[in-house]
N, C-alpha and C. Protein backbone atom coordinates (compact mmCIF):
# COMPACT_ATOMS: atom_id res chain seq x y z
N MET A 1 -10.67 -0.21 3.22
CA MET A 1 -9.53 -0.30 3.88
C MET A 1 -8.69 -1.53 3.50
N ALA A 2 -9.49 -2.68 4.04
CA ALA A 2 -8.79 -3.91 3.85
C ALA A 2 -8.36 -4.23 2.42
N THR A 3 -9.11 -3.70 1.41
CA THR A 3 -9.01 -4.03 0.09
C THR A 3 -7.58 -3.12 -0.36
N ALA A 4 -7.80 -1.90 0.13
CA ALA A 4 -6.49 -1.00 -0.23
C ALA A 4 -5.16 -1.70 0.27
N VAL A 5 -5.29 -2.13 1.48
CA VAL A 5 -4.05 -2.70 2.12
C VAL A 5 -3.70 -3.93 1.38
N GLN A 6 -4.65 -4.73 0.93
CA GLN A 6 -4.14 -5.98 0.13
C GLN A 6 -3.61 -5.52 -1.29
N ILE A 7 -4.25 -4.47 -1.79
CA ILE A 7 -3.54 -4.02 -3.17
C ILE A 7 -2.15 -3.57 -2.99
N LEU A 8 -1.87 -2.86 -1.98
CA LEU A 8 -0.42 -2.33 -1.48
C LEU A 8 0.38 -3.56 -1.35
N CYS A 9 -0.08 -4.58 -0.51
CA CYS A 9 0.66 -5.75 -0.27
C CYS A 9 1.09 -6.45 -1.47
N VAL A 10 0.29 -6.67 -2.42
CA VAL A 10 0.38 -7.31 -3.72
C VAL A 10 1.49 -6.63 -4.44
N ILE A 11 1.40 -5.16 -4.50
CA ILE A 11 2.42 -4.43 -5.22
C ILE A 11 3.76 -4.50 -4.61
N ALA A 12 3.68 -4.41 -3.38
CA ALA A 12 5.00 -4.65 -2.58
C ALA A 12 5.69 -6.04 -2.67
N TYR A 13 4.70 -7.06 -2.74
CA TYR A 13 5.28 -8.38 -2.88
C TYR A 13 5.94 -8.73 -4.23
N THR A 14 5.27 -8.07 -5.19
CA THR A 14 5.80 -8.29 -6.57
C THR A 14 7.10 -7.58 -6.79
N GLY A 15 7.53 -6.69 -5.98
CA GLY A 15 8.92 -6.14 -6.06
C GLY A 15 8.87 -4.71 -6.66
N PRO A 16 10.12 -4.07 -6.73
CA PRO A 16 10.30 -2.69 -7.13
C PRO A 16 9.72 -2.60 -8.75
N GLU A 17 9.61 -3.69 -9.56
CA GLU A 17 9.34 -3.37 -10.76
C GLU A 17 7.73 -3.10 -11.03
N GLY A 18 7.03 -3.36 -9.90
CA GLY A 18 5.67 -3.05 -9.91
C GLY A 18 4.80 -4.06 -10.54
N THR A 19 3.46 -4.05 -10.80
CA THR A 19 2.55 -4.82 -11.36
C THR A 19 1.50 -3.98 -12.12
N ASN A 20 0.52 -4.60 -12.23
CA ASN A 20 -0.63 -3.88 -13.08
C ASN A 20 -1.99 -4.14 -12.33
N SER A 21 -3.02 -3.50 -12.71
CA SER A 21 -4.27 -3.72 -11.96
C SER A 21 -4.94 -4.98 -12.32
N GLU A 22 -4.79 -5.59 -13.47
CA GLU A 22 -5.28 -6.91 -13.67
C GLU A 22 -4.74 -7.89 -12.86
N ILE A 23 -3.56 -7.92 -12.56
CA ILE A 23 -2.82 -8.92 -11.63
C ILE A 23 -3.39 -8.73 -10.18
N VAL A 24 -3.38 -7.49 -9.88
CA VAL A 24 -3.91 -7.14 -8.48
C VAL A 24 -5.41 -7.42 -8.34
N ALA A 25 -6.22 -7.38 -9.35
CA ALA A 25 -7.57 -7.85 -9.35
C ALA A 25 -7.73 -9.22 -9.08
N LYS A 26 -6.87 -10.04 -9.79
CA LYS A 26 -6.83 -11.43 -9.67
C LYS A 26 -6.67 -11.98 -8.31
N SER A 27 -5.71 -11.25 -7.53
CA SER A 27 -5.57 -11.61 -6.19
C SER A 27 -6.63 -11.36 -5.22
N LEU A 28 -7.39 -10.23 -5.55
CA LEU A 28 -8.47 -9.98 -4.85
C LEU A 28 -9.78 -10.64 -5.36
N ARG A 29 -9.73 -11.20 -6.36
CA ARG A 29 -10.86 -11.91 -7.04
C ARG A 29 -11.93 -10.70 -7.39
N THR A 30 -11.69 -9.43 -7.90
CA THR A 30 -12.54 -8.53 -8.09
C THR A 30 -12.27 -7.78 -9.56
N ASN A 31 -12.94 -6.88 -9.88
CA ASN A 31 -12.84 -6.35 -11.28
C ASN A 31 -11.68 -5.41 -11.17
N PRO A 32 -10.80 -5.29 -12.02
CA PRO A 32 -9.69 -4.41 -12.15
C PRO A 32 -10.16 -2.89 -12.08
N VAL A 33 -11.44 -2.44 -12.43
CA VAL A 33 -12.01 -1.23 -12.12
C VAL A 33 -12.14 -0.87 -10.65
N VAL A 34 -12.57 -1.72 -9.83
CA VAL A 34 -12.36 -1.53 -8.46
C VAL A 34 -10.90 -1.17 -7.95
N VAL A 35 -9.95 -1.87 -8.50
CA VAL A 35 -8.51 -1.82 -8.14
C VAL A 35 -8.06 -0.37 -8.47
N ARG A 36 -8.33 -0.04 -9.65
CA ARG A 36 -7.92 1.24 -10.31
C ARG A 36 -8.55 2.59 -9.73
N ARG A 37 -9.78 2.23 -9.23
CA ARG A 37 -10.43 3.44 -8.45
C ARG A 37 -9.60 3.77 -7.13
N LEU A 38 -9.30 2.41 -6.38
CA LEU A 38 -8.50 2.62 -5.26
C LEU A 38 -7.27 3.09 -5.53
N LEU A 39 -6.63 2.79 -6.51
CA LEU A 39 -5.10 3.16 -6.93
C LEU A 39 -5.04 4.71 -7.12
N LYS A 40 -6.16 5.36 -7.73
CA LYS A 40 -6.24 6.74 -7.86
C LYS A 40 -6.28 7.53 -6.68
N CYS A 41 -7.05 7.00 -5.74
CA CYS A 41 -7.17 7.57 -4.39
C CYS A 41 -5.65 7.56 -3.60
N MET A 42 -5.07 6.47 -3.91
CA MET A 42 -3.86 6.17 -3.17
C MET A 42 -2.61 6.99 -3.93
N GLN A 43 -2.89 7.15 -5.24
CA GLN A 43 -1.94 7.97 -6.06
C GLN A 43 -2.03 9.66 -5.57
N GLN A 44 -3.11 9.82 -5.36
CA GLN A 44 -3.36 11.37 -4.89
C GLN A 44 -2.80 11.49 -3.50
N GLN A 45 -2.44 10.49 -2.84
CA GLN A 45 -2.04 10.66 -1.44
C GLN A 45 -0.54 10.26 -1.37
N GLY A 46 0.03 9.98 -2.59
CA GLY A 46 1.46 9.86 -2.90
C GLY A 46 1.92 8.24 -2.22
N LEU A 47 1.10 7.54 -2.34
CA LEU A 47 1.41 6.03 -1.88
C LEU A 47 1.85 5.23 -3.02
N VAL A 48 1.24 5.48 -4.27
CA VAL A 48 1.60 4.71 -5.45
C VAL A 48 1.82 5.63 -6.67
N GLU A 49 2.61 5.09 -7.63
CA GLU A 49 2.90 5.68 -8.93
C GLU A 49 2.12 4.97 -9.88
N ILE A 50 1.43 5.69 -10.77
CA ILE A 50 0.63 4.70 -11.96
C ILE A 50 1.46 5.20 -13.25
N ARG A 51 1.67 4.23 -13.88
CA ARG A 51 2.21 4.37 -15.26
C ARG A 51 1.03 4.08 -16.31
N PRO A 52 0.71 5.09 -16.97
CA PRO A 52 -0.37 4.80 -18.03
C PRO A 52 0.08 4.20 -19.27
N GLY A 53 -0.86 3.72 -20.08
CA GLY A 53 -0.46 3.22 -21.40
C GLY A 53 -0.50 1.70 -21.34
N LYS A 54 -0.30 1.20 -22.59
CA LYS A 54 -0.32 -0.24 -22.97
C LYS A 54 0.74 -1.10 -21.94
N ASP A 55 1.86 -0.62 -21.64
CA ASP A 55 2.82 -1.11 -20.94
C ASP A 55 2.90 -0.59 -19.54
N GLY A 56 1.73 0.15 -18.98
CA GLY A 56 1.61 0.68 -17.92
C GLY A 56 1.64 -0.24 -16.69
N GLY A 57 1.39 0.28 -15.61
CA GLY A 57 1.41 -0.46 -14.40
C GLY A 57 1.34 0.36 -13.16
N VAL A 58 1.62 -0.26 -12.04
CA VAL A 58 1.61 0.57 -10.85
C VAL A 58 2.73 0.11 -9.88
N GLU A 59 3.29 1.04 -9.08
CA GLU A 59 4.52 0.71 -8.18
C GLU A 59 4.43 1.57 -6.90
N LEU A 60 4.82 1.10 -5.86
CA LEU A 60 4.82 1.97 -4.63
C LEU A 60 5.72 3.35 -4.77
N ALA A 61 5.18 4.33 -4.24
CA ALA A 61 5.89 5.46 -4.43
C ALA A 61 7.03 5.59 -3.45
N ARG A 62 7.06 4.91 -2.45
CA ARG A 62 8.00 4.75 -1.38
C ARG A 62 8.08 3.46 -0.74
N ALA A 63 9.23 3.15 -0.06
CA ALA A 63 9.53 1.93 0.49
C ALA A 63 8.32 1.35 1.58
N PRO A 64 7.92 0.22 1.43
CA PRO A 64 6.90 -0.37 2.19
C PRO A 64 7.05 0.06 3.64
N ASP A 65 8.36 -0.01 4.10
CA ASP A 65 8.44 0.39 5.65
C ASP A 65 8.07 1.86 6.00
N GLU A 66 7.97 2.60 4.81
CA GLU A 66 7.60 4.14 4.91
C GLU A 66 6.03 4.29 4.84
N ILE A 67 5.47 3.35 4.62
CA ILE A 67 3.88 3.49 4.31
C ILE A 67 3.24 2.94 5.71
N THR A 68 2.46 3.74 6.31
CA THR A 68 1.66 3.24 7.37
C THR A 68 0.22 2.84 7.20
N LEU A 69 -0.46 2.28 7.98
CA LEU A 69 -1.75 1.96 7.57
C LEU A 69 -2.62 3.19 7.79
N ASP A 70 -2.47 4.11 8.66
CA ASP A 70 -3.09 5.34 8.82
C ASP A 70 -3.15 6.10 7.58
N GLN A 71 -1.98 6.11 6.90
CA GLN A 71 -1.76 6.73 5.70
C GLN A 71 -2.80 6.15 4.51
N ILE A 72 -2.92 4.84 4.59
CA ILE A 72 -3.65 4.20 3.63
C ILE A 72 -5.18 4.34 4.17
N TYR A 73 -5.51 4.41 5.28
CA TYR A 73 -6.84 4.61 5.71
C TYR A 73 -7.31 6.03 5.22
N ARG A 74 -6.44 7.06 5.39
CA ARG A 74 -6.91 8.65 5.02
C ARG A 74 -6.83 8.53 3.48
N ALA A 75 -6.25 7.74 2.80
CA ALA A 75 -6.29 7.88 1.35
C ALA A 75 -7.55 7.29 0.74
N VAL A 76 -8.12 6.22 1.41
CA VAL A 76 -9.14 5.63 0.89
C VAL A 76 -10.64 5.67 1.48
N GLU A 77 -10.53 6.24 2.88
CA GLU A 77 -11.85 6.29 3.67
C GLU A 77 -12.31 7.68 3.68
N THR A 78 -13.50 7.83 3.41
CA THR A 78 -14.07 9.26 3.14
C THR A 78 -14.59 9.60 4.49
N GLU A 79 -15.17 9.02 5.43
CA GLU A 79 -15.67 9.17 6.60
C GLU A 79 -14.54 9.25 7.57
N THR A 80 -14.52 10.23 8.40
CA THR A 80 -13.61 10.53 9.58
C THR A 80 -14.12 9.74 10.71
N GLY A 81 -13.39 8.98 11.57
CA GLY A 81 -13.79 8.31 12.70
C GLY A 81 -14.38 7.05 12.37
N VAL A 82 -14.15 6.11 13.43
CA VAL A 82 -14.70 4.82 13.43
C VAL A 82 -16.14 4.85 13.49
N PHE A 83 -16.69 5.48 14.44
CA PHE A 83 -18.13 5.60 14.73
C PHE A 83 -18.68 7.07 14.54
N ALA A 84 -19.86 6.99 13.91
CA ALA A 84 -20.53 8.39 13.87
C ALA A 84 -21.81 8.42 14.74
N LEU A 85 -22.03 9.67 15.04
CA LEU A 85 -23.28 9.94 15.74
C LEU A 85 -24.36 9.98 14.93
N ARG A 86 -25.65 9.79 15.25
CA ARG A 86 -26.70 9.99 14.44
C ARG A 86 -26.94 11.42 14.20
N PRO A 87 -27.04 11.85 12.86
CA PRO A 87 -27.26 13.09 12.54
C PRO A 87 -28.32 13.90 13.26
N ARG A 88 -29.66 13.31 13.50
CA ARG A 88 -30.61 14.09 14.17
C ARG A 88 -31.52 13.05 14.83
N GLY A 89 -32.27 13.50 15.88
CA GLY A 89 -33.14 12.64 16.58
C GLY A 89 -34.14 13.50 17.02
N ASN A 90 -34.80 13.06 18.06
CA ASN A 90 -35.91 13.66 18.77
C ASN A 90 -35.44 14.57 19.84
N PRO A 91 -35.26 15.88 19.62
CA PRO A 91 -34.82 16.83 20.55
C PRO A 91 -35.73 16.83 21.89
N ASN A 92 -36.87 16.27 21.84
CA ASN A 92 -37.75 16.27 22.98
C ASN A 92 -37.42 15.04 23.91
N CYS A 93 -36.62 13.91 23.40
CA CYS A 93 -36.48 12.77 24.16
C CYS A 93 -35.18 13.14 24.97
N PRO A 94 -35.39 12.68 26.17
CA PRO A 94 -34.10 12.97 27.23
C PRO A 94 -33.05 11.99 26.87
N VAL A 95 -33.24 10.69 26.27
CA VAL A 95 -32.09 9.83 25.87
C VAL A 95 -31.36 10.50 24.66
N ASP A 96 -32.24 10.87 23.57
CA ASP A 96 -31.56 11.33 22.30
C ASP A 96 -30.83 12.65 22.73
N SER A 97 -31.38 13.49 23.45
CA SER A 97 -30.68 14.85 23.68
C SER A 97 -29.32 14.75 24.52
N ARG A 98 -29.14 13.60 25.19
CA ARG A 98 -27.89 13.37 25.91
C ARG A 98 -26.92 12.65 25.08
N MET A 99 -27.17 11.93 24.11
CA MET A 99 -26.31 10.94 23.23
C MET A 99 -25.09 11.71 22.78
N LYS A 100 -25.06 12.94 22.18
CA LYS A 100 -23.91 13.61 21.61
C LYS A 100 -23.09 13.76 22.75
N ASP A 101 -23.32 14.36 23.98
CA ASP A 101 -22.49 14.53 25.12
C ASP A 101 -21.89 13.17 25.67
N LEU A 102 -22.52 12.09 25.69
CA LEU A 102 -22.18 10.88 26.38
C LEU A 102 -21.14 10.08 25.42
N LEU A 103 -21.59 10.15 23.99
CA LEU A 103 -20.69 9.44 23.21
C LEU A 103 -19.53 9.98 22.71
N THR A 104 -19.66 11.11 22.49
CA THR A 104 -18.56 12.00 21.85
C THR A 104 -17.08 11.75 22.34
N PRO A 105 -17.01 11.81 23.77
CA PRO A 105 -15.68 11.34 24.39
C PRO A 105 -15.39 9.83 24.11
N ILE A 106 -16.37 9.05 24.18
CA ILE A 106 -16.01 7.57 23.87
C ILE A 106 -15.73 7.31 22.53
N PHE A 107 -16.31 7.98 21.53
CA PHE A 107 -15.86 7.87 20.11
C PHE A 107 -14.53 8.41 19.79
N GLY A 108 -14.34 9.58 20.54
CA GLY A 108 -13.04 10.20 20.30
C GLY A 108 -11.86 9.40 20.80
N ALA A 109 -11.98 8.76 21.92
CA ALA A 109 -11.11 7.89 22.44
C ALA A 109 -10.83 6.61 21.68
N THR A 110 -11.86 6.17 21.05
CA THR A 110 -11.68 5.09 20.16
C THR A 110 -11.09 5.40 18.86
N ASP A 111 -11.36 6.58 18.26
CA ASP A 111 -10.55 7.05 17.02
C ASP A 111 -9.16 7.23 17.20
N THR A 112 -8.84 7.83 18.46
CA THR A 112 -7.44 7.91 18.72
C THR A 112 -6.66 6.59 18.97
N ALA A 113 -7.18 5.58 19.60
CA ALA A 113 -6.65 4.29 19.75
C ALA A 113 -6.60 3.50 18.36
N VAL A 114 -7.67 3.83 17.42
CA VAL A 114 -7.50 3.14 16.04
C VAL A 114 -6.18 3.84 15.34
N GLU A 115 -6.37 5.11 15.51
CA GLU A 115 -5.10 5.81 14.64
C GLU A 115 -3.75 5.58 15.16
N THR A 116 -3.76 5.28 16.55
CA THR A 116 -2.39 5.05 16.98
C THR A 116 -1.95 3.66 16.58
N THR A 117 -2.89 2.74 16.47
CA THR A 117 -2.61 1.34 16.12
C THR A 117 -2.16 1.34 14.56
N LEU A 118 -2.93 1.88 13.77
CA LEU A 118 -2.75 2.06 12.38
C LEU A 118 -1.48 2.73 12.06
N ARG A 119 -1.05 3.84 12.92
CA ARG A 119 0.26 4.52 12.62
C ARG A 119 1.45 3.71 12.92
N ARG A 120 1.17 2.64 13.95
CA ARG A 120 2.36 1.83 14.33
C ARG A 120 2.60 0.77 13.56
N THR A 121 1.71 0.54 12.61
CA THR A 121 1.79 -0.57 11.53
C THR A 121 2.19 -0.40 10.12
N THR A 122 3.26 -0.86 9.63
CA THR A 122 3.75 -0.43 8.36
C THR A 122 3.20 -1.46 7.21
N LEU A 123 3.25 -1.13 6.03
CA LEU A 123 2.88 -2.05 4.93
C LEU A 123 4.16 -3.14 5.09
N GLY A 124 5.39 -2.67 5.26
CA GLY A 124 6.57 -3.54 5.13
C GLY A 124 6.38 -4.66 6.21
N SER A 125 5.68 -4.20 7.31
CA SER A 125 5.71 -5.29 8.42
C SER A 125 4.73 -6.44 7.97
N LEU A 126 3.62 -5.94 7.30
CA LEU A 126 2.63 -6.91 6.75
C LEU A 126 3.28 -7.83 5.65
N VAL A 127 3.93 -7.22 4.73
CA VAL A 127 4.63 -7.89 3.51
C VAL A 127 5.63 -8.90 4.20
N GLY A 128 6.29 -8.37 5.15
CA GLY A 128 7.42 -9.27 5.81
C GLY A 128 6.92 -10.59 6.37
N ALA A 129 5.64 -10.43 6.84
CA ALA A 129 4.82 -11.45 7.54
C ALA A 129 4.38 -12.46 6.35
N ILE A 130 4.30 -12.02 5.09
CA ILE A 130 3.70 -12.83 4.03
C ILE A 130 4.90 -13.73 3.52
N VAL A 131 6.17 -13.11 3.21
CA VAL A 131 7.25 -13.87 2.71
C VAL A 131 7.89 -14.66 3.64
């Protein structure tokens, strides 16, 4: 998530003409392949437009103020929710048998709080704080 946000901040910071994965990778000090993989996910969600070819590059698909962090999160994170319950345990254990009932409402409230915070924050607000 943090890498995806930084990728989009670099693209927004460079302006409407966009940039390319090599330049973005230098900002992150990572391999351009990592950047391209995340860009593909974000392209599928309509956050970026990728121009293929020798003179290709990437640009935002919409204005930075129209992109929220929850949209970025959904584009790149495969797991739903901040916390996950253990998939299986000992059904004969009184502690283990109660964990799902006890933790589900707490984890649900946490997920709601995170989603609300991410939804309130735009890419534009982050880029505005950079410049």
